[in-house]
Amino acid sequence: MYEKTLETKTIYKGKILDVSVSKVELEDGKISTREVAHNTGGVCVLALDPDENIIMVKQFRYPSKEELYELAGGKHNENETHEQTGMRELLEETGYVSSDVTYMGYLYPTVAYADEVIHMVLARNCVYHKQQLDPGEFVHVEVIPLNQALEMISNNVIKDGKTIVAILKYMQFMKK
């Protein structure tokens, strides 16, 4: 299956995302419209301390109007590997560092209207160094036992998609 792009116009250029509207030809020859949010993507880090507790951040997210539990992460810079981005963001947001880092794959968080890709990195044996938040960044670090995090997912306390996927993917990884 495929949709042929006939024309695309950027209708918004922002600091973290751009929005385009495309005219597409569907498989049956009919014409339709697609609105797409574009951004450079990011990296999230499933950070584990030596006891396999998950190092998470809790922060207010304006679109959902609530504080959410999430894995540390952020915007991927072109000159960095995904692992380097993850370690930079982990240090900034949580103050933790690790030299035991593994790439876990990627996901598309919102396939219906965005082209964002989030890469997942596993950081084991993390130790605390010093939190280095960016100006205007307000996050609380919480260290949560793995079993408790799974319970929080089941009870809809952890609602962030990338966080849920990375934790569940890690659980599958552990079984192998």
C-alpha atoms as a PDB file:
ATOM      1  CA  MET A   1       0.000   0.000   0.000  1.00  0.00           C
ATOM      2  CA  TYR A   2       1.220   3.471  -0.812  1.00  0.00           C
ATOM      3  CA  GLU A   3      -0.020   7.051  -1.116  1.00  0.00           C
ATOM      4  CA  LYS A   4       1.593   9.188  -3.819  1.00  0.00           C
ATOM      5  CA  THR A   5       2.448  12.746  -2.753  1.00  0.00           C
ATOM      6  CA  LEU A   6       1.220  15.267  -5.314  1.00  0.00           C
ATOM      7  CA  GLU A   7       2.160  18.488  -3.524  1.00  0.00           C
ATOM      8  CA  THR A   8       3.246  19.626  -0.075  1.00  0.00           C
ATOM      9  CA  LYS A   9       3.123  23.041   1.593  1.00  0.00           C
ATOM     10  CA  THR A  10       4.650  23.974   4.929  1.00  0.00           C
ATOM     11  CA  ILE A  11       2.014  25.936   6.837  1.00  0.00           C
ATOM     12  CA  TYR A  12       3.877  26.432  10.120  1.00  0.00           C
ATOM     13  CA  LYS A  13       7.555  26.612  11.092  1.00  0.00           C
ATOM     14  CA  GLY A  14       8.204  26.491  14.819  1.00  0.00           C
ATOM     15  CA  LYS A  15      11.008  26.021  17.304  1.00  0.00           C
ATOM     16  CA  ILE A  16      10.460  22.276  17.823  1.00  0.00           C
ATOM     17  CA  LEU A  17       8.179  21.309  14.951  1.00  0.00           C
ATOM     18  CA  ASP A  18       6.963  22.249  11.495  1.00  0.00           C
ATOM     19  CA  VAL A  19       3.546  21.410  10.044  1.00  0.00           C
ATOM     20  CA  SER A  20       2.853  20.589   6.409  1.00  0.00           C
ATOM     21  CA  VAL A  21      -0.248  19.837   4.389  1.00  0.00           C
ATOM     22  CA  SER A  22       0.075  17.431   1.489  1.00  0.00           C
ATOM     23  CA  LYS A  23      -2.252  16.484  -1.312  1.00  0.00           C
ATOM     24  CA  VAL A  24      -1.970  12.730  -1.922  1.00  0.00           C
ATOM     25  CA  GLU A  25      -3.306  10.236  -4.425  1.00  0.00           C
ATOM     26  CA  LEU A  26      -4.768   7.138  -2.766  1.00  0.00           C
ATOM     27  CA  GLU A  27      -4.547   3.589  -4.126  1.00  0.00           C
ATOM     28  CA  ASP A  28      -8.002   3.908  -5.681  1.00  0.00           C
ATOM     29  CA  GLY A  29      -6.954   7.093  -7.536  1.00  0.00           C
ATOM     30  CA  LYS A  30      -8.905   9.473  -5.292  1.00  0.00           C
ATOM     31  CA  ILE A  31      -7.249  12.592  -3.880  1.00  0.00           C
ATOM     32  CA  SER A  32      -7.004  13.263  -0.143  1.00  0.00           C
ATOM     33  CA  THR A  33      -5.207  15.594   2.258  1.00  0.00           C
ATOM     34  CA  ARG A  34      -2.599  14.725   4.915  1.00  0.00           C
ATOM     35  CA  GLU A  35      -1.495  17.066   7.695  1.00  0.00           C
ATOM     36  CA  VAL A  36       1.863  16.132   9.197  1.00  0.00           C
ATOM     37  CA  ALA A  37       3.842  17.475  12.159  1.00  0.00           C
ATOM     38  CA  HIS A  38       7.598  17.182  11.533  1.00  0.00           C
ATOM     39  CA  ASN A  39      10.403  17.275  14.073  1.00  0.00           C
ATOM     40  CA  THR A  40      13.950  15.998  14.356  1.00  0.00           C
ATOM     41  CA  GLY A  41      13.064  13.179  16.725  1.00  0.00           C
ATOM     42  CA  GLY A  42      14.605  12.248  20.009  1.00  0.00           C
ATOM     43  CA  VAL A  43      16.044   9.691  22.345  1.00  0.00           C
ATOM     44  CA  CYS A  44      14.739   8.288  25.617  1.00  0.00           C
ATOM     45  CA  VAL A  45      16.842   6.452  28.177  1.00  0.00           C
ATOM     46  CA  LEU A  46      15.763   3.505  30.264  1.00  0.00           C
ATOM     47  CA  ALA A  47      18.253   4.202  33.047  1.00  0.00           C
ATOM     48  CA  LEU A  48      18.795   1.558  35.708  1.00  0.00           C
ATOM     49  CA  ASP A  49      20.765   1.909  38.919  1.00  0.00           C
ATOM     50  CA  PRO A  50      22.913  -1.044  40.122  1.00  0.00           C
ATOM     51  CA  ASP A  51      19.826  -2.548  41.849  1.00  0.00           C
ATOM     52  CA  GLU A  52      17.788  -2.357  38.583  1.00  0.00           C
ATOM     53  CA  ASN A  53      15.583   0.464  39.814  1.00  0.00           C
ATOM     54  CA  ILE A  54      14.414   2.767  37.028  1.00  0.00           C
ATOM     55  CA  ILE A  55      15.568   6.376  37.156  1.00  0.00           C
ATOM     56  CA  MET A  56      12.602   8.410  35.955  1.00  0.00           C
ATOM     57  CA  VAL A  57      11.618  12.041  35.743  1.00  0.00           C
ATOM     58  CA  LYS A  58       8.286  13.533  36.643  1.00  0.00           C
ATOM     59  CA  GLN A  59       7.415  16.794  34.941  1.00  0.00           C
ATOM     60  CA  PHE A  60       4.466  18.929  33.979  1.00  0.00           C
ATOM     61  CA  ARG A  61       3.512  18.561  30.325  1.00  0.00           C
ATOM     62  CA  TYR A  62       1.473  21.429  28.942  1.00  0.00           C
ATOM     63  CA  PRO A  63      -0.472  19.499  26.238  1.00  0.00           C
ATOM     64  CA  SER A  64      -1.828  16.966  28.767  1.00  0.00           C
ATOM     65  CA  LYS A  65      -2.076  19.552  31.572  1.00  0.00           C
ATOM     66  CA  GLU A  66      -0.605  17.170  34.148  1.00  0.00           C
ATOM     67  CA  GLU A  67       2.603  15.876  35.652  1.00  0.00           C
ATOM     68  CA  LEU A  68       3.779  12.724  33.909  1.00  0.00           C
ATOM     69  CA  TYR A  69       6.285  10.026  34.743  1.00  0.00           C
ATOM     70  CA  GLU A  70       8.767   9.638  31.906  1.00  0.00           C
ATOM     71  CA  LEU A  71      12.169   8.332  31.043  1.00  0.00           C
ATOM     72  CA  ALA A  72      14.831  10.980  30.631  1.00  0.00           C
ATOM     73  CA  GLY A  73      15.367  12.023  27.053  1.00  0.00           C
ATOM     74  CA  GLY A  74      15.296  14.780  24.544  1.00  0.00           C
ATOM     75  CA  LYS A  75      16.115  16.121  21.133  1.00  0.00           C
ATOM     76  CA  HIS A  76      18.654  14.228  19.059  1.00  0.00           C
ATOM     77  CA  ASN A  77      21.489  16.352  17.677  1.00  0.00           C
ATOM     78  CA  GLU A  78      22.874  15.440  14.243  1.00  0.00           C
ATOM     79  CA  ASN A  79      26.474  15.292  15.459  1.00  0.00           C
ATOM     80  CA  GLU A  80      25.689  12.707  18.168  1.00  0.00           C
ATOM     81  CA  THR A  81      24.986   8.993  18.182  1.00  0.00           C
ATOM     82  CA  HIS A  82      21.718   8.001  19.828  1.00  0.00           C
ATOM     83  CA  GLU A  83      23.707   6.680  22.765  1.00  0.00           C
ATOM     84  CA  GLN A  84      25.541  10.015  23.148  1.00  0.00           C
ATOM     85  CA  THR A  85      22.267  11.941  23.012  1.00  0.00           C
ATOM     86  CA  GLY A  86      20.809   9.637  25.626  1.00  0.00           C
ATOM     87  CA  MET A  87      23.759  10.040  27.983  1.00  0.00           C
ATOM     88  CA  ARG A  88      23.772  13.829  27.563  1.00  0.00           C
ATOM     89  CA  GLU A  89      20.055  14.022  28.336  1.00  0.00           C
ATOM     90  CA  LEU A  90      20.327  11.557  31.228  1.00  0.00           C
ATOM     91  CA  LEU A  91      23.024  13.672  32.884  1.00  0.00           C
ATOM     92  CA  GLU A  92      21.186  16.947  32.276  1.00  0.00           C
ATOM     93  CA  GLU A  93      17.788  15.792  33.492  1.00  0.00           C
ATOM     94  CA  THR A  94      18.661  13.333  36.265  1.00  0.00           C
ATOM     95  CA  GLY A  95      22.310  13.835  37.164  1.00  0.00           C
ATOM     96  CA  TYR A  96      23.025  10.153  36.523  1.00  0.00           C
ATOM     97  CA  VAL A  97      25.755   8.732  34.265  1.00  0.00           C
ATOM     98  CA  SER A  98      26.507   5.286  32.852  1.00  0.00           C
ATOM     99  CA  SER A  99      29.219   3.632  30.798  1.00  0.00           C
ATOM    100  CA  ASP A 100      27.085   0.525  30.142  1.00  0.00           C
ATOM    101  CA  VAL A 101      24.866   1.688  27.261  1.00  0.00           C
ATOM    102  CA  THR A 102      22.909  -0.384  24.718  1.00  0.00           C
ATOM    103  CA  TYR A 103      20.739   0.736  21.812  1.00  0.00           C
ATOM    104  CA  MET A 104      17.226  -0.807  22.056  1.00  0.00           C
ATOM    105  CA  GLY A 105      15.617   0.302  18.783  1.00  0.00           C
ATOM    106  CA  TYR A 106      13.113   2.979  17.892  1.00  0.00           C
ATOM    107  CA  LEU A 107       9.409   3.709  17.770  1.00  0.00           C
ATOM    108  CA  TYR A 108       6.968   6.024  16.014  1.00  0.00           C
ATOM    109  CA  PRO A 109       4.942   7.598  18.851  1.00  0.00           C
ATOM    110  CA  THR A 110       2.159   9.190  16.788  1.00  0.00           C
ATOM    111  CA  VAL A 111       1.901   7.542  13.375  1.00  0.00           C
ATOM    112  CA  ALA A 112      -1.358   9.187  12.262  1.00  0.00           C
ATOM    113  CA  TYR A 113      -0.107  12.773  12.082  1.00  0.00           C
ATOM    114  CA  ALA A 114       3.611  13.028  12.900  1.00  0.00           C
ATOM    115  CA  ASP A 115       6.895  11.743  11.472  1.00  0.00           C
ATOM    116  CA  GLU A 116       8.681  11.771  14.839  1.00  0.00           C
ATOM    117  CA  VAL A 117      11.021   8.877  15.634  1.00  0.00           C
ATOM    118  CA  ILE A 118      12.119   8.171  19.200  1.00  0.00           C
ATOM    119  CA  HIS A 119      15.183   6.011  19.723  1.00  0.00           C
ATOM    120  CA  MET A 120      15.457   4.008  22.943  1.00  0.00           C
ATOM    121  CA  VAL A 121      18.681   3.514  24.852  1.00  0.00           C
ATOM    122  CA  LEU A 122      19.310   1.278  27.850  1.00  0.00           C
ATOM    123  CA  ALA A 123      21.774   2.582  30.456  1.00  0.00           C
ATOM    124  CA  ARG A 124      22.734   0.118  33.199  1.00  0.00           C
ATOM    125  CA  ASN A 125      24.596   0.604  36.470  1.00  0.00           C
ATOM    126  CA  CYS A 126      23.884   4.331  36.542  1.00  0.00           C
ATOM    127  CA  VAL A 127      25.500   6.362  39.303  1.00  0.00           C
ATOM    128  CA  TYR A 128      24.606   9.836  40.460  1.00  0.00           C
ATOM    129  CA  HIS A 129      26.898  12.696  39.472  1.00  0.00           C
ATOM    130  CA  LYS A 130      25.058  16.059  39.401  1.00  0.00           C
ATOM    131  CA  GLN A 131      21.844  17.211  37.738  1.00  0.00           C
ATOM    132  CA  GLN A 132      22.409  19.862  35.035  1.00  0.00           C
ATOM    133  CA  LEU A 133      18.958  21.122  33.994  1.00  0.00           C
ATOM    134  CA  ASP A 134      18.555  23.495  31.074  1.00  0.00           C
ATOM    135  CA  PRO A 135      17.124  26.950  31.875  1.00  0.00           C
ATOM    136  CA  GLY A 136      13.340  26.708  32.195  1.00  0.00           C
ATOM    137  CA  GLU A 137      13.446  22.922  32.698  1.00  0.00           C
ATOM    138  CA  PHE A 138      11.757  21.681  35.869  1.00  0.00           C
ATOM    139  CA  VAL A 139      11.894  17.948  36.522  1.00  0.00           C
ATOM    140  CA  HIS A 140      11.788  15.814  39.640  1.00  0.00           C
ATOM    141  CA  VAL A 141      13.875  12.648  39.657  1.00  0.00           C
ATOM    142  CA  GLU A 142      12.314   9.497  41.088  1.00  0.00           C
ATOM    143  CA  VAL A 143      13.988   6.115  41.426  1.00  0.00           C
ATOM    144  CA  ILE A 144      11.346   3.420  41.063  1.00  0.00           C
ATOM    145  CA  PRO A 145      11.726  -0.354  41.442  1.00  0.00           C
ATOM    146  CA  LEU A 146      11.107  -2.203  38.170  1.00  0.00           C
ATOM    147  CA  ASN A 147       8.151  -4.184  39.566  1.00  0.00           C
ATOM    148  CA  GLN A 148       6.562  -0.979  40.844  1.00  0.00           C
ATOM    149  CA  ALA A 149       6.992   0.640  37.414  1.00  0.00           C
ATOM    150  CA  LEU A 150       5.213  -2.328  35.797  1.00  0.00           C
ATOM    151  CA  GLU A 151       2.377  -1.900  38.304  1.00  0.00           C
ATOM    152  CA  MET A 152       2.267   1.835  37.523  1.00  0.00           C
ATOM    153  CA  ILE A 153       1.901   0.984  33.819  1.00  0.00           C
ATOM    154  CA  SER A 154      -0.928  -1.462  34.583  1.00  0.00           C
ATOM    155  CA  ASN A 155      -2.704   1.108  36.770  1.00  0.00           C
ATOM    156  CA  ASN A 156      -2.311   3.897  34.165  1.00  0.00           C
ATOM    157  CA  VAL A 157      -0.061   5.938  36.436  1.00  0.00           C
ATOM    158  CA  ILE A 158       2.685   5.844  33.813  1.00  0.00           C
ATOM    159  CA  LYS A 159       0.948   7.157  30.687  1.00  0.00           C
ATOM    160  CA  ASP A 160       3.827   8.222  28.444  1.00  0.00           C
ATOM    161  CA  GLY A 161       4.069   5.968  25.396  1.00  0.00           C
ATOM    162  CA  LYS A 162       7.855   5.942  24.961  1.00  0.00           C
ATOM    163  CA  THR A 163       8.305   5.114  28.636  1.00  0.00           C
ATOM    164  CA  ILE A 164       5.824   2.241  28.498  1.00  0.00           C
ATOM    165  CA  VAL A 165       7.339   0.802  25.315  1.00  0.00           C
ATOM    166  CA  ALA A 166      10.928   1.008  26.583  1.00  0.00           C
ATOM    167  CA  ILE A 167      10.100  -0.657  29.910  1.00  0.00           C
ATOM    168  CA  LEU A 168       8.075  -3.453  28.299  1.00  0.00           C
ATOM    169  CA  LYS A 169      10.747  -3.932  25.635  1.00  0.00           C
ATOM    170  CA  TYR A 170      13.356  -4.232  28.377  1.00  0.00           C
ATOM    171  CA  MET A 171      11.224  -6.880  30.108  1.00  0.00           C
ATOM    172  CA  GLN A 172      11.212  -8.895  26.851  1.00  0.00           C
ATOM    173  CA  PHE A 173      14.963  -8.296  26.513  1.00  0.00           C
ATOM    174  CA  MET A 174      15.521  -9.731  30.014  1.00  0.00           C
ATOM    175  CA  LYS A 175      13.645 -12.933  29.115  1.00  0.00           C
ATOM    176  CA  LYS A 176      16.060 -13.692  26.249  1.00  0.00           C
END
